[in-house]
């Protein structure tokens, strides 16, 4: 029986994970739970765990320290990390911890099932083939997958190749990745910086300069970040004309201010009438509606933090009166800000099965 350890201090999240896994795999798996890192460490010492699913923010011993312990004591155990948020610093941390997979809450059934199937049903040779297949599909992955997912997969593979301790194999794979990056840039006509082109050229021509996985992954992450930035620019340029794009960028930079159509039009040197016309045509909603929707999106994020008073959220988003903010929020969302917060906290992270 395949033993899965769930390390999660939020009981609702743990319950949902257990429900998903139990429902999908039934008698094939045994689920063991721990609500803190110390308890999980003791379980790992005493039991043969096949896969660990760990929330990065757990008490007593945090998720990072627990991952370090696993890599020292049971290096072959697959580690899946759960996180409530993603940022580049976390991605770097997860790479250094040699985490195999990670996903951002809320839990998605298809994702967790796919991950468990991957490690439960495949031997090491099959996993190696999966990694190699990833490189051949890297171009498509970058075009259709979120950047954190791509970086995690690349990190996993880089850790894998450096563990092989075979210099020729490592050099060959570094060169292979450099050629793939160059192909993606050429095929998609991406205008990347000279420094990125030099990094790619070093991977192709001088792979021996990379002495360890950490140094190599740093360069690979820089390349991936720039490729994603250029792809994003191309997509926006294809979708909107320059004035619409400039207007959207101005709104995003000043979303916490009182933004008017006239102000934005003046900033990008066109008439308010023309901006209003092209914005509605290309974005699908008028300018005022777009700005309001973006403010409400941000308000939802802020309401998830129970320590921020609702009146402060209203003020920070440039609503003149808290009552007006509440009225607009209810019209857009269907409930008042206080009702939304109450439901959010009750259901934790809006976990959906």
C-alpha atoms as a PDB file:
ATOM      1  CA  UNK A   1       0.000   0.000   0.000  1.00  0.00           C
ATOM      2  CA  UNK A   2       1.264   3.457  -0.961  1.00  0.00           C
ATOM      3  CA  UNK A   3       1.729   5.644   2.130  1.00  0.00           C
ATOM      4  CA  UNK A   4       1.118   9.375   1.814  1.00  0.00           C
ATOM      5  CA  UNK A   5       1.931  11.823   4.606  1.00  0.00           C
ATOM      6  CA  UNK A   6      -0.136  15.041   4.673  1.00  0.00           C
ATOM      7  CA  UNK A   7       1.457  17.764   6.810  1.00  0.00           C
ATOM      8  CA  UNK A   8      -1.071  20.590   7.146  1.00  0.00           C
ATOM      9  CA  UNK A   9      -2.170  22.596  10.190  1.00  0.00           C
ATOM     10  CA  UNK A  10      -5.327  23.945   8.528  1.00  0.00           C
ATOM     11  CA  UNK A  11      -7.770  21.143   9.208  1.00  0.00           C
ATOM     12  CA  UNK A  12     -10.161  22.090   6.406  1.00  0.00           C
ATOM     13  CA  UNK A  13      -7.359  21.944   3.838  1.00  0.00           C
ATOM     14  CA  UNK A  14      -6.126  18.630   5.232  1.00  0.00           C
ATOM     15  CA  UNK A  15      -9.666  17.222   5.186  1.00  0.00           C
ATOM     16  CA  UNK A  16     -10.127  18.209   1.554  1.00  0.00           C
ATOM     17  CA  UNK A  17      -6.782  16.685   0.544  1.00  0.00           C
ATOM     18  CA  UNK A  18      -7.614  13.451   2.331  1.00  0.00           C
ATOM     19  CA  UNK A  19     -11.060  13.362   0.757  1.00  0.00           C
ATOM     20  CA  UNK A  20      -9.696  13.884  -2.761  1.00  0.00           C
ATOM     21  CA  UNK A  21      -7.006  11.223  -2.370  1.00  0.00           C
ATOM     22  CA  UNK A  22      -9.238   8.688  -0.640  1.00  0.00           C
ATOM     23  CA  UNK A  23     -12.012   9.119  -3.172  1.00  0.00           C
ATOM     24  CA  UNK A  24      -9.691   8.725  -6.149  1.00  0.00           C
ATOM     25  CA  UNK A  25      -7.334   5.995  -4.945  1.00  0.00           C
ATOM     26  CA  UNK A  26      -9.558   4.191  -2.424  1.00  0.00           C
ATOM     27  CA  UNK A  27      -7.715   1.156  -0.967  1.00  0.00           C
ATOM     28  CA  UNK A  28      -4.500   1.775  -2.904  1.00  0.00           C
ATOM     29  CA  UNK A  29      -3.205   4.372  -0.464  1.00  0.00           C
ATOM     30  CA  UNK A  30      -2.871   4.877   3.246  1.00  0.00           C
ATOM     31  CA  UNK A  31      -3.045   8.482   4.433  1.00  0.00           C
ATOM     32  CA  UNK A  32      -1.181   9.632   7.527  1.00  0.00           C
ATOM     33  CA  UNK A  33      -1.686  13.155   8.840  1.00  0.00           C
ATOM     34  CA  UNK A  34       0.355  15.549  10.938  1.00  0.00           C
ATOM     35  CA  UNK A  35      -0.539  19.109  11.917  1.00  0.00           C
ATOM     36  CA  UNK A  36       2.994  20.316  12.660  1.00  0.00           C
ATOM     37  CA  UNK A  37       6.540  19.707  11.502  1.00  0.00           C
ATOM     38  CA  UNK A  38       7.722  17.992  14.679  1.00  0.00           C
ATOM     39  CA  UNK A  39       4.989  15.369  14.526  1.00  0.00           C
ATOM     40  CA  UNK A  40       5.710  14.839  10.831  1.00  0.00           C
ATOM     41  CA  UNK A  41       9.413  14.368  11.549  1.00  0.00           C
ATOM     42  CA  UNK A  42       8.610  11.665  14.108  1.00  0.00           C
ATOM     43  CA  UNK A  43       6.305   9.888  11.656  1.00  0.00           C
ATOM     44  CA  UNK A  44       8.991   9.929   8.953  1.00  0.00           C
ATOM     45  CA  UNK A  45      11.491   8.452  11.414  1.00  0.00           C
ATOM     46  CA  UNK A  46       9.183   5.617  12.395  1.00  0.00           C
ATOM     47  CA  UNK A  47       7.351   4.827   9.132  1.00  0.00           C
ATOM     48  CA  UNK A  48       8.142   4.104   5.512  1.00  0.00           C
ATOM     49  CA  UNK A  49       6.488   7.054   3.798  1.00  0.00           C
ATOM     50  CA  UNK A  50       6.264   6.951  -0.003  1.00  0.00           C
ATOM     51  CA  UNK A  51       5.290  10.583  -0.613  1.00  0.00           C
ATOM     52  CA  UNK A  52       5.011  13.690   1.568  1.00  0.00           C
ATOM     53  CA  UNK A  53       2.592  16.573   0.933  1.00  0.00           C
ATOM     54  CA  UNK A  54       3.744  19.503   3.070  1.00  0.00           C
ATOM     55  CA  UNK A  55       2.315  22.966   3.684  1.00  0.00           C
ATOM     56  CA  UNK A  56       5.276  25.356   3.682  1.00  0.00           C
ATOM     57  CA  UNK A  57       3.769  27.281   6.645  1.00  0.00           C
ATOM     58  CA  UNK A  58       3.377  24.767   9.473  1.00  0.00           C
ATOM     59  CA  UNK A  59       4.100  25.275  13.192  1.00  0.00           C
ATOM     60  CA  UNK A  60       6.945  24.091  15.477  1.00  0.00           C
ATOM     61  CA  UNK A  61       9.190  22.900  12.642  1.00  0.00           C
ATOM     62  CA  UNK A  62       8.309  24.786   9.467  1.00  0.00           C
ATOM     63  CA  UNK A  63       7.934  23.249   6.026  1.00  0.00           C
ATOM     64  CA  UNK A  64      11.372  24.326   4.822  1.00  0.00           C
ATOM     65  CA  UNK A  65      13.151  22.692   7.760  1.00  0.00           C
ATOM     66  CA  UNK A  66      11.090  19.530   7.348  1.00  0.00           C
ATOM     67  CA  UNK A  67      12.050  19.335   3.652  1.00  0.00           C
ATOM     68  CA  UNK A  68      15.723  19.716   4.600  1.00  0.00           C
ATOM     69  CA  UNK A  69      15.366  16.862   7.083  1.00  0.00           C
ATOM     70  CA  UNK A  70      13.769  14.601   4.469  1.00  0.00           C
ATOM     71  CA  UNK A  71      16.494  15.308   1.947  1.00  0.00           C
ATOM     72  CA  UNK A  72      19.138  14.351   4.520  1.00  0.00           C
ATOM     73  CA  UNK A  73      17.433  11.250   5.897  1.00  0.00           C
ATOM     74  CA  UNK A  74      15.313   9.958   3.016  1.00  0.00           C
ATOM     75  CA  UNK A  75      16.593  11.610  -0.122  1.00  0.00           C
ATOM     76  CA  UNK A  76      14.507   9.560  -2.565  1.00  0.00           C
ATOM     77  CA  UNK A  77      11.151  10.478  -1.011  1.00  0.00           C
ATOM     78  CA  UNK A  78       9.116  12.701  -3.358  1.00  0.00           C
ATOM     79  CA  UNK A  79       8.136  15.999  -1.721  1.00  0.00           C
ATOM     80  CA  UNK A  80       5.077  18.004  -2.784  1.00  0.00           C
ATOM     81  CA  UNK A  81       4.789  21.454  -1.210  1.00  0.00           C
ATOM     82  CA  UNK A  82       1.539  23.369  -0.726  1.00  0.00           C
ATOM     83  CA  UNK A  83       1.702  27.150  -0.546  1.00  0.00           C
ATOM     84  CA  UNK A  84      -0.854  29.904  -0.187  1.00  0.00           C
ATOM     85  CA  UNK A  85       1.112  32.209  -2.461  1.00  0.00           C
ATOM     86  CA  UNK A  86       3.890  32.220  -5.042  1.00  0.00           C
ATOM     87  CA  UNK A  87       6.823  34.563  -5.491  1.00  0.00           C
ATOM     88  CA  UNK A  88      10.309  34.325  -6.959  1.00  0.00           C
ATOM     89  CA  UNK A  89      11.940  34.081  -3.528  1.00  0.00           C
ATOM     90  CA  UNK A  90       9.783  31.079  -2.650  1.00  0.00           C
ATOM     91  CA  UNK A  91      10.579  29.454  -6.009  1.00  0.00           C
ATOM     92  CA  UNK A  92      14.294  29.792  -5.229  1.00  0.00           C
ATOM     93  CA  UNK A  93      13.774  28.302  -1.759  1.00  0.00           C
ATOM     94  CA  UNK A  94      11.837  25.337  -3.137  1.00  0.00           C
ATOM     95  CA  UNK A  95      14.562  24.703  -5.690  1.00  0.00           C
ATOM     96  CA  UNK A  96      17.274  24.655  -3.038  1.00  0.00           C
ATOM     97  CA  UNK A  97      15.164  22.256  -0.978  1.00  0.00           C
ATOM     98  CA  UNK A  98      14.957  19.943  -4.014  1.00  0.00           C
ATOM     99  CA  UNK A  99      11.175  19.871  -3.867  1.00  0.00           C
ATOM    100  CA  UNK A 100       9.706  17.661  -6.591  1.00  0.00           C
ATOM    101  CA  UNK A 101       6.409  19.476  -7.098  1.00  0.00           C
ATOM    102  CA  UNK A 102       4.381  22.293  -5.605  1.00  0.00           C
ATOM    103  CA  UNK A 103       0.948  23.798  -6.044  1.00  0.00           C
ATOM    104  CA  UNK A 104      -0.766  26.964  -4.863  1.00  0.00           C
ATOM    105  CA  UNK A 105      -3.962  26.785  -2.827  1.00  0.00           C
ATOM    106  CA  UNK A 106      -6.838  26.267  -3.325  1.00  0.00           C
ATOM    107  CA  UNK A 107      -6.405  22.555  -3.978  1.00  0.00           C
ATOM    108  CA  UNK A 108      -7.428  21.402  -7.441  1.00  0.00           C
ATOM    109  CA  UNK A 109      -8.508  17.771  -7.670  1.00  0.00           C
ATOM    110  CA  UNK A 110      -7.003  17.102 -11.084  1.00  0.00           C
ATOM    111  CA  UNK A 111      -3.616  18.496 -10.045  1.00  0.00           C
ATOM    112  CA  UNK A 112      -3.192  16.477  -6.860  1.00  0.00           C
ATOM    113  CA  UNK A 113      -4.439  13.285  -8.554  1.00  0.00           C
ATOM    114  CA  UNK A 114      -2.015  13.791 -11.441  1.00  0.00           C
ATOM    115  CA  UNK A 115       0.893  14.316  -9.053  1.00  0.00           C
ATOM    116  CA  UNK A 116       0.153  11.223  -6.971  1.00  0.00           C
ATOM    117  CA  UNK A 117      -0.315   9.085 -10.086  1.00  0.00           C
ATOM    118  CA  UNK A 118       3.026  10.276 -11.363  1.00  0.00           C
ATOM    119  CA  UNK A 119       4.953   9.082  -8.326  1.00  0.00           C
ATOM    120  CA  UNK A 120       2.827   6.085  -7.394  1.00  0.00           C
ATOM    121  CA  UNK A 121       2.764   4.350 -10.754  1.00  0.00           C
ATOM    122  CA  UNK A 122       6.137   5.096 -12.293  1.00  0.00           C
ATOM    123  CA  UNK A 123       9.607   3.802 -11.623  1.00  0.00           C
ATOM    124  CA  UNK A 124      12.741   5.937 -11.814  1.00  0.00           C
ATOM    125  CA  UNK A 125      13.413   5.111 -15.459  1.00  0.00           C
ATOM    126  CA  UNK A 126       9.934   6.244 -16.461  1.00  0.00           C
ATOM    127  CA  UNK A 127      10.330   9.423 -14.414  1.00  0.00           C
ATOM    128  CA  UNK A 128      13.599  10.123 -16.207  1.00  0.00           C
ATOM    129  CA  UNK A 129      11.814   9.720 -19.544  1.00  0.00           C
ATOM    130  CA  UNK A 130       9.114  12.134 -18.386  1.00  0.00           C
ATOM    131  CA  UNK A 131      11.768  14.702 -17.607  1.00  0.00           C
ATOM    132  CA  UNK A 132      13.379  14.255 -21.010  1.00  0.00           C
ATOM    133  CA  UNK A 133      10.013  14.543 -22.741  1.00  0.00           C
ATOM    134  CA  UNK A 134       9.523  17.844 -20.930  1.00  0.00           C
ATOM    135  CA  UNK A 135      12.494  19.384 -22.727  1.00  0.00           C
ATOM    136  CA  UNK A 136      11.112  18.472 -26.122  1.00  0.00           C
ATOM    137  CA  UNK A 137       7.844  20.197 -25.145  1.00  0.00           C
ATOM    138  CA  UNK A 138       9.402  23.149 -23.334  1.00  0.00           C
ATOM    139  CA  UNK A 139       8.369  25.648 -25.997  1.00  0.00           C
ATOM    140  CA  UNK A 140       4.714  24.683 -25.697  1.00  0.00           C
ATOM    141  CA  UNK A 141       4.966  24.644 -21.894  1.00  0.00           C
ATOM    142  CA  UNK A 142       6.184  28.241 -21.839  1.00  0.00           C
ATOM    143  CA  UNK A 143       3.349  29.336 -24.119  1.00  0.00           C
ATOM    144  CA  UNK A 144       0.542  27.633 -22.188  1.00  0.00           C
ATOM    145  CA  UNK A 145       1.716  27.004 -18.602  1.00  0.00           C
ATOM    146  CA  UNK A 146       2.142  29.423 -15.649  1.00  0.00           C
ATOM    147  CA  UNK A 147       5.707  30.586 -15.061  1.00  0.00           C
ATOM    148  CA  UNK A 148       5.929  29.044 -11.541  1.00  0.00           C
ATOM    149  CA  UNK A 149       5.016  25.652 -12.976  1.00  0.00           C
ATOM    150  CA  UNK A 150       7.682  25.882 -15.683  1.00  0.00           C
ATOM    151  CA  UNK A 151      10.365  27.009 -13.220  1.00  0.00           C
ATOM    152  CA  UNK A 152       9.459  24.166 -10.858  1.00  0.00           C
ATOM    153  CA  UNK A 153       9.751  21.585 -13.639  1.00  0.00           C
ATOM    154  CA  UNK A 154      13.058  23.023 -14.820  1.00  0.00           C
ATOM    155  CA  UNK A 155      14.342  23.066 -11.235  1.00  0.00           C
ATOM    156  CA  UNK A 156      13.373  19.442 -10.757  1.00  0.00           C
ATOM    157  CA  UNK A 157      15.207  18.412 -13.907  1.00  0.00           C
ATOM    158  CA  UNK A 158      18.335  20.415 -13.118  1.00  0.00           C
ATOM    159  CA  UNK A 159      18.499  18.829  -9.676  1.00  0.00           C
ATOM    160  CA  UNK A 160      18.092  15.462 -11.353  1.00  0.00           C
ATOM    161  CA  UNK A 161      20.902  15.869 -13.906  1.00  0.00           C
ATOM    162  CA  UNK A 162      23.417  17.177 -11.350  1.00  0.00           C
ATOM    163  CA  UNK A 163      22.663  14.235  -9.057  1.00  0.00           C
ATOM    164  CA  UNK A 164      23.841  11.859 -11.776  1.00  0.00           C
ATOM    165  CA  UNK A 165      27.474  12.818 -11.069  1.00  0.00           C
ATOM    166  CA  UNK A 166      28.298  12.128 -14.734  1.00  0.00           C
ATOM    167  CA  UNK A 167      30.174  15.134 -16.130  1.00  0.00           C
ATOM    168  CA  UNK A 168      29.585  14.347 -19.811  1.00  0.00           C
ATOM    169  CA  UNK A 169      25.882  13.782 -19.238  1.00  0.00           C
ATOM    170  CA  UNK A 170      25.539  17.041 -17.267  1.00  0.00           C
ATOM    171  CA  UNK A 171      27.383  19.058 -19.935  1.00  0.00           C
ATOM    172  CA  UNK A 172      25.242  17.508 -22.661  1.00  0.00           C
ATOM    173  CA  UNK A 173      21.996  18.391 -20.866  1.00  0.00           C
ATOM    174  CA  UNK A 174      23.105  21.977 -20.161  1.00  0.00           C
ATOM    175  CA  UNK A 175      23.885  22.438 -23.851  1.00  0.00           C
ATOM    176  CA  UNK A 176      20.572  20.846 -24.781  1.00  0.00           C
ATOM    177  CA  UNK A 177      18.670  23.314 -22.618  1.00  0.00           C
ATOM    178  CA  UNK A 178      20.605  26.264 -24.063  1.00  0.00           C
ATOM    179  CA  UNK A 179      19.735  25.163 -27.588  1.00  0.00           C
ATOM    180  CA  UNK A 180      16.087  24.805 -26.587  1.00  0.00           C
ATOM    181  CA  UNK A 181      15.993  28.334 -25.125  1.00  0.00           C
ATOM    182  CA  UNK A 182      17.613  29.700 -28.305  1.00  0.00           C
ATOM    183  CA  UNK A 183      15.025  27.851 -30.422  1.00  0.00           C
ATOM    184  CA  UNK A 184      12.116  29.255 -28.394  1.00  0.00           C
ATOM    185  CA  UNK A 185      13.438  32.802 -28.727  1.00  0.00           C
ATOM    186  CA  UNK A 186      13.998  32.428 -32.481  1.00  0.00           C
ATOM    187  CA  UNK A 187      10.689  30.708 -33.257  1.00  0.00           C
ATOM    188  CA  UNK A 188       8.679  33.301 -31.327  1.00  0.00           C
ATOM    189  CA  UNK A 189      10.779  36.288 -32.445  1.00  0.00           C
ATOM    190  CA  UNK A 190      11.369  37.413 -28.874  1.00  0.00           C
ATOM    191  CA  UNK A 191      13.494  40.514 -28.386  1.00  0.00           C
ATOM    192  CA  UNK A 192      15.557  39.449 -25.359  1.00  0.00           C
ATOM    193  CA  UNK A 193      18.469  41.389 -23.867  1.00  0.00           C
ATOM    194  CA  UNK A 194      22.116  40.880 -24.809  1.00  0.00           C
ATOM    195  CA  UNK A 195      22.884  39.620 -21.297  1.00  0.00           C
ATOM    196  CA  UNK A 196      20.309  36.836 -21.686  1.00  0.00           C
ATOM    197  CA  UNK A 197      21.675  35.908 -25.101  1.00  0.00           C
ATOM    198  CA  UNK A 198      25.143  35.662 -23.548  1.00  0.00           C
ATOM    199  CA  UNK A 199      23.845  33.343 -20.808  1.00  0.00           C
ATOM    200  CA  UNK A 200      22.277  31.112 -23.438  1.00  0.00           C
ATOM    201  CA  UNK A 201      25.447  31.127 -25.508  1.00  0.00           C
ATOM    202  CA  UNK A 202      27.469  30.130 -22.419  1.00  0.00           C
ATOM    203  CA  UNK A 203      25.128  27.177 -21.878  1.00  0.00           C
ATOM    204  CA  UNK A 204      25.695  26.054 -25.462  1.00  0.00           C
ATOM    205  CA  UNK A 205      29.395  26.810 -25.900  1.00  0.00           C
ATOM    206  CA  UNK A 206      30.777  26.681 -22.351  1.00  0.00           C
ATOM    207  CA  UNK A 207      28.593  24.327 -20.253  1.00  0.00           C
ATOM    208  CA  UNK A 208      31.604  23.412 -18.089  1.00  0.00           C
ATOM    209  CA  UNK A 209      31.449  26.797 -16.310  1.00  0.00           C
ATOM    210  CA  UNK A 210      28.423  25.567 -14.327  1.00  0.00           C
ATOM    211  CA  UNK A 211      29.815  23.715 -11.322  1.00  0.00           C
ATOM    212  CA  UNK A 212      26.624  23.079  -9.340  1.00  0.00           C
ATOM    213  CA  UNK A 213      22.858  22.931  -9.667  1.00  0.00           C
ATOM    214  CA  UNK A 214      22.218  26.159  -7.729  1.00  0.00           C
ATOM    215  CA  UNK A 215      24.432  28.311  -9.955  1.00  0.00           C
ATOM    216  CA  UNK A 216      23.002  26.839 -13.110  1.00  0.00           C
ATOM    217  CA  UNK A 217      19.398  27.189 -11.960  1.00  0.00           C
ATOM    218  CA  UNK A 218      19.955  30.864 -11.165  1.00  0.00           C
ATOM    219  CA  UNK A 219      20.943  31.482 -14.788  1.00  0.00           C
ATOM    220  CA  UNK A 220      18.120  29.321 -16.127  1.00  0.00           C
ATOM    221  CA  UNK A 221      15.581  31.198 -13.956  1.00  0.00           C
ATOM    222  CA  UNK A 222      16.812  34.532 -15.297  1.00  0.00           C
ATOM    223  CA  UNK A 223      16.372  33.287 -18.854  1.00  0.00           C
ATOM    224  CA  UNK A 224      12.888  31.878 -18.184  1.00  0.00           C
ATOM    225  CA  UNK A 225      11.797  35.111 -16.483  1.00  0.00           C
ATOM    226  CA  UNK A 226      12.866  37.202 -19.471  1.00  0.00           C
ATOM    227  CA  UNK A 227      11.293  34.823 -21.986  1.00  0.00           C
ATOM    228  CA  UNK A 228       7.996  35.026 -20.101  1.00  0.00           C
ATOM    229  CA  UNK A 229       8.239  38.831 -19.967  1.00  0.00           C
ATOM    230  CA  UNK A 230       8.791  39.025 -23.726  1.00  0.00           C
ATOM    231  CA  UNK A 231       5.984  36.539 -24.457  1.00  0.00           C
ATOM    232  CA  UNK A 232       3.646  38.594 -22.257  1.00  0.00           C
ATOM    233  CA  UNK A 233       4.606  41.763 -24.102  1.00  0.00           C
ATOM    234  CA  UNK A 234       3.978  40.115 -27.463  1.00  0.00           C
ATOM    235  CA  UNK A 235       0.576  38.837 -26.372  1.00  0.00           C
ATOM    236  CA  UNK A 236      -0.459  42.272 -25.158  1.00  0.00           C
ATOM    237  CA  UNK A 237       0.874  43.954 -28.257  1.00  0.00           C
ATOM    238  CA  UNK A 238      -1.114  41.546 -30.401  1.00  0.00           C
ATOM    239  CA  UNK A 239      -4.323  42.056 -28.423  1.00  0.00           C
ATOM    240  CA  UNK A 240      -4.353  45.827 -27.859  1.00  0.00           C
ATOM    241  CA  UNK A 241      -3.084  48.875 -29.638  1.00  0.00           C
ATOM    242  CA  UNK A 242      -0.451  50.960 -27.895  1.00  0.00           C
ATOM    243  CA  UNK A 243      -2.906  53.437 -26.354  1.00  0.00           C
ATOM    244  CA  UNK A 244      -5.089  50.756 -24.773  1.00  0.00           C
ATOM    245  CA  UNK A 245      -2.022  48.971 -23.441  1.00  0.00           C
ATOM    246  CA  UNK A 246      -0.593  52.190 -22.001  1.00  0.00           C
ATOM    247  CA  UNK A 247      -3.951  52.934 -20.366  1.00  0.00           C
ATOM    248  CA  UNK A 248      -4.097  49.496 -18.740  1.00  0.00           C
ATOM    249  CA  UNK A 249      -0.516  49.835 -17.491  1.00  0.00           C
ATOM    250  CA  UNK A 250      -1.318  53.265 -16.035  1.00  0.00           C
ATOM    251  CA  UNK A 251      -4.369  51.861 -14.231  1.00  0.00           C
ATOM    252  CA  UNK A 252      -2.356  48.979 -12.760  1.00  0.00           C
ATOM    253  CA  UNK A 253       0.346  51.317 -11.472  1.00  0.00           C
ATOM    254  CA  UNK A 254      -2.167  53.739  -9.940  1.00  0.00           C
ATOM    255  CA  UNK A 255      -4.973  51.381  -8.949  1.00  0.00           C
ATOM    256  CA  UNK A 256      -5.050  52.676  -5.356  1.00  0.00           C
ATOM    257  CA  UNK A 257      -5.650  56.236  -6.530  1.00  0.00           C
ATOM    258  CA  UNK A 258      -8.750  57.969  -7.848  1.00  0.00           C
ATOM    259  CA  UNK A 259      -8.242  57.358 -11.572  1.00  0.00           C
ATOM    260  CA  UNK A 260     -10.261  59.243 -14.185  1.00  0.00           C
ATOM    261  CA  UNK A 261     -10.553  58.728 -17.934  1.00  0.00           C
ATOM    262  CA  UNK A 262      -9.433  62.320 -18.484  1.00  0.00           C
ATOM    263  CA  UNK A 263      -6.313  61.840 -16.369  1.00  0.00           C
ATOM    264  CA  UNK A 264      -5.256  58.693 -18.216  1.00  0.00           C
ATOM    265  CA  UNK A 265      -5.989  60.189 -21.639  1.00  0.00           C
ATOM    266  CA  UNK A 266      -3.842  63.211 -20.805  1.00  0.00           C
ATOM    267  CA  UNK A 267      -1.032  60.946 -19.592  1.00  0.00           C
ATOM    268  CA  UNK A 268      -0.904  58.993 -22.861  1.00  0.00           C
ATOM    269  CA  UNK A 269      -1.532  62.028 -25.084  1.00  0.00           C
ATOM    270  CA  UNK A 270      -4.904  61.220 -26.662  1.00  0.00           C
ATOM    271  CA  UNK A 271      -8.407  62.656 -26.194  1.00  0.00           C
ATOM    272  CA  UNK A 272     -10.727  61.165 -23.548  1.00  0.00           C
ATOM    273  CA  UNK A 273     -13.341  60.519 -26.235  1.00  0.00           C
ATOM    274  CA  UNK A 274     -10.933  58.484 -28.381  1.00  0.00           C
ATOM    275  CA  UNK A 275      -9.608  56.540 -25.375  1.00  0.00           C
ATOM    276  CA  UNK A 276     -13.145  55.739 -24.246  1.00  0.00           C
ATOM    277  CA  UNK A 277     -14.050  54.496 -27.721  1.00  0.00           C
ATOM    278  CA  UNK A 278     -11.024  52.237 -28.326  1.00  0.00           C
ATOM    279  CA  UNK A 279     -10.932  50.966 -24.726  1.00  0.00           C
ATOM    280  CA  UNK A 280     -14.531  49.721 -24.870  1.00  0.00           C
ATOM    281  CA  UNK A 281     -13.948  48.162 -28.285  1.00  0.00           C
ATOM    282  CA  UNK A 282     -10.751  46.276 -27.347  1.00  0.00           C
ATOM    283  CA  UNK A 283     -11.255  45.438 -23.658  1.00  0.00           C
ATOM    284  CA  UNK A 284     -14.975  44.710 -23.856  1.00  0.00           C
ATOM    285  CA  UNK A 285     -16.060  46.993 -21.006  1.00  0.00           C
ATOM    286  CA  UNK A 286     -15.958  50.752 -20.601  1.00  0.00           C
ATOM    287  CA  UNK A 287     -13.070  52.418 -18.791  1.00  0.00           C
ATOM    288  CA  UNK A 288     -14.906  53.172 -15.536  1.00  0.00           C
ATOM    289  CA  UNK A 289     -16.184  49.583 -15.248  1.00  0.00           C
ATOM    290  CA  UNK A 290     -12.688  48.213 -15.844  1.00  0.00           C
ATOM    291  CA  UNK A 291     -11.164  50.381 -13.111  1.00  0.00           C
ATOM    292  CA  UNK A 292     -13.950  49.499 -10.668  1.00  0.00           C
ATOM    293  CA  UNK A 293     -13.581  45.769 -11.389  1.00  0.00           C
ATOM    294  CA  UNK A 294      -9.827  45.943 -10.772  1.00  0.00           C
ATOM    295  CA  UNK A 295     -10.371  47.773  -7.470  1.00  0.00           C
ATOM    296  CA  UNK A 296     -12.898  45.142  -6.368  1.00  0.00           C
ATOM    297  CA  UNK A 297     -10.434  42.363  -7.297  1.00  0.00           C
ATOM    298  CA  UNK A 298      -7.834  44.022  -5.088  1.00  0.00           C
ATOM    299  CA  UNK A 299     -10.397  44.539  -2.315  1.00  0.00           C
ATOM    300  CA  UNK A 300     -11.107  40.794  -2.280  1.00  0.00           C
ATOM    301  CA  UNK A 301      -7.415  40.084  -1.748  1.00  0.00           C
ATOM    302  CA  UNK A 302      -7.254  42.599   1.102  1.00  0.00           C
ATOM    303  CA  UNK A 303     -10.413  41.237   2.727  1.00  0.00           C
ATOM    304  CA  UNK A 304      -8.683  37.873   3.074  1.00  0.00           C
ATOM    305  CA  UNK A 305      -6.550  39.495   5.789  1.00  0.00           C
ATOM    306  CA  UNK A 306      -8.831  39.867   8.811  1.00  0.00           C
ATOM    307  CA  UNK A 307      -6.403  42.351  10.384  1.00  0.00           C
ATOM    308  CA  UNK A 308      -7.147  45.051   7.796  1.00  0.00           C
ATOM    309  CA  UNK A 309     -10.254  47.066   8.789  1.00  0.00           C
ATOM    310  CA  UNK A 310     -12.788  47.345   5.990  1.00  0.00           C
ATOM    311  CA  UNK A 311     -12.819  51.132   6.303  1.00  0.00           C
ATOM    312  CA  UNK A 312      -9.053  51.118   5.657  1.00  0.00           C
ATOM    313  CA  UNK A 313      -9.555  49.029   2.519  1.00  0.00           C
ATOM    314  CA  UNK A 314     -12.128  51.528   1.299  1.00  0.00           C
ATOM    315  CA  UNK A 315      -9.784  54.471   1.896  1.00  0.00           C
ATOM    316  CA  UNK A 316      -6.729  52.754   0.394  1.00  0.00           C
ATOM    317  CA  UNK A 317      -8.642  52.083  -2.850  1.00  0.00           C
ATOM    318  CA  UNK A 318      -9.761  55.724  -3.088  1.00  0.00           C
ATOM    319  CA  UNK A 319     -13.474  55.169  -2.453  1.00  0.00           C
ATOM    320  CA  UNK A 320     -14.817  58.423  -1.024  1.00  0.00           C
ATOM    321  CA  UNK A 321     -17.088  56.850   1.573  1.00  0.00           C
ATOM    322  CA  UNK A 322     -17.067  53.353   3.174  1.00  0.00           C
ATOM    323  CA  UNK A 323     -20.821  53.102   2.513  1.00  0.00           C
ATOM    324  CA  UNK A 324     -20.246  53.737  -1.178  1.00  0.00           C
ATOM    325  CA  UNK A 325     -17.486  51.105  -1.236  1.00  0.00           C
ATOM    326  CA  UNK A 326     -19.846  48.612   0.373  1.00  0.00           C
ATOM    327  CA  UNK A 327     -22.574  49.433  -2.141  1.00  0.00           C
ATOM    328  CA  UNK A 328     -20.263  49.010  -5.145  1.00  0.00           C
ATOM    329  CA  UNK A 329     -18.755  45.816  -3.734  1.00  0.00           C
ATOM    330  CA  UNK A 330     -22.178  44.235  -3.162  1.00  0.00           C
ATOM    331  CA  UNK A 331     -23.310  45.173  -6.655  1.00  0.00           C
ATOM    332  CA  UNK A 332     -20.246  43.479  -8.192  1.00  0.00           C
ATOM    333  CA  UNK A 333     -19.843  40.469  -5.870  1.00  0.00           C
ATOM    334  CA  UNK A 334     -23.350  39.877  -4.551  1.00  0.00           C
ATOM    335  CA  UNK A 335     -22.477  40.276  -0.860  1.00  0.00           C
ATOM    336  CA  UNK A 336     -21.162  43.105   1.310  1.00  0.00           C
ATOM    337  CA  UNK A 337     -17.436  43.296   2.149  1.00  0.00           C
ATOM    338  CA  UNK A 338     -18.072  42.101   5.712  1.00  0.00           C
ATOM    339  CA  UNK A 339     -20.154  39.152   4.457  1.00  0.00           C
ATOM    340  CA  UNK A 340     -17.459  38.270   1.939  1.00  0.00           C
ATOM    341  CA  UNK A 341     -14.773  38.309   4.639  1.00  0.00           C
ATOM    342  CA  UNK A 342     -16.917  36.201   6.957  1.00  0.00           C
ATOM    343  CA  UNK A 343     -17.483  33.568   4.272  1.00  0.00           C
ATOM    344  CA  UNK A 344     -13.828  33.608   3.252  1.00  0.00           C
ATOM    345  CA  UNK A 345     -12.550  33.065   6.783  1.00  0.00           C
ATOM    346  CA  UNK A 346     -15.141  30.394   7.416  1.00  0.00           C
ATOM    347  CA  UNK A 347     -14.077  28.463   4.340  1.00  0.00           C
ATOM    348  CA  UNK A 348     -10.386  29.288   4.760  1.00  0.00           C
ATOM    349  CA  UNK A 349      -9.016  29.528   1.223  1.00  0.00           C
ATOM    350  CA  UNK A 350     -12.235  28.933  -0.697  1.00  0.00           C
ATOM    351  CA  UNK A 351     -11.108  25.363  -1.251  1.00  0.00           C
ATOM    352  CA  UNK A 352     -13.054  23.662  -4.008  1.00  0.00           C
ATOM    353  CA  UNK A 353     -13.261  19.964  -4.727  1.00  0.00           C
END
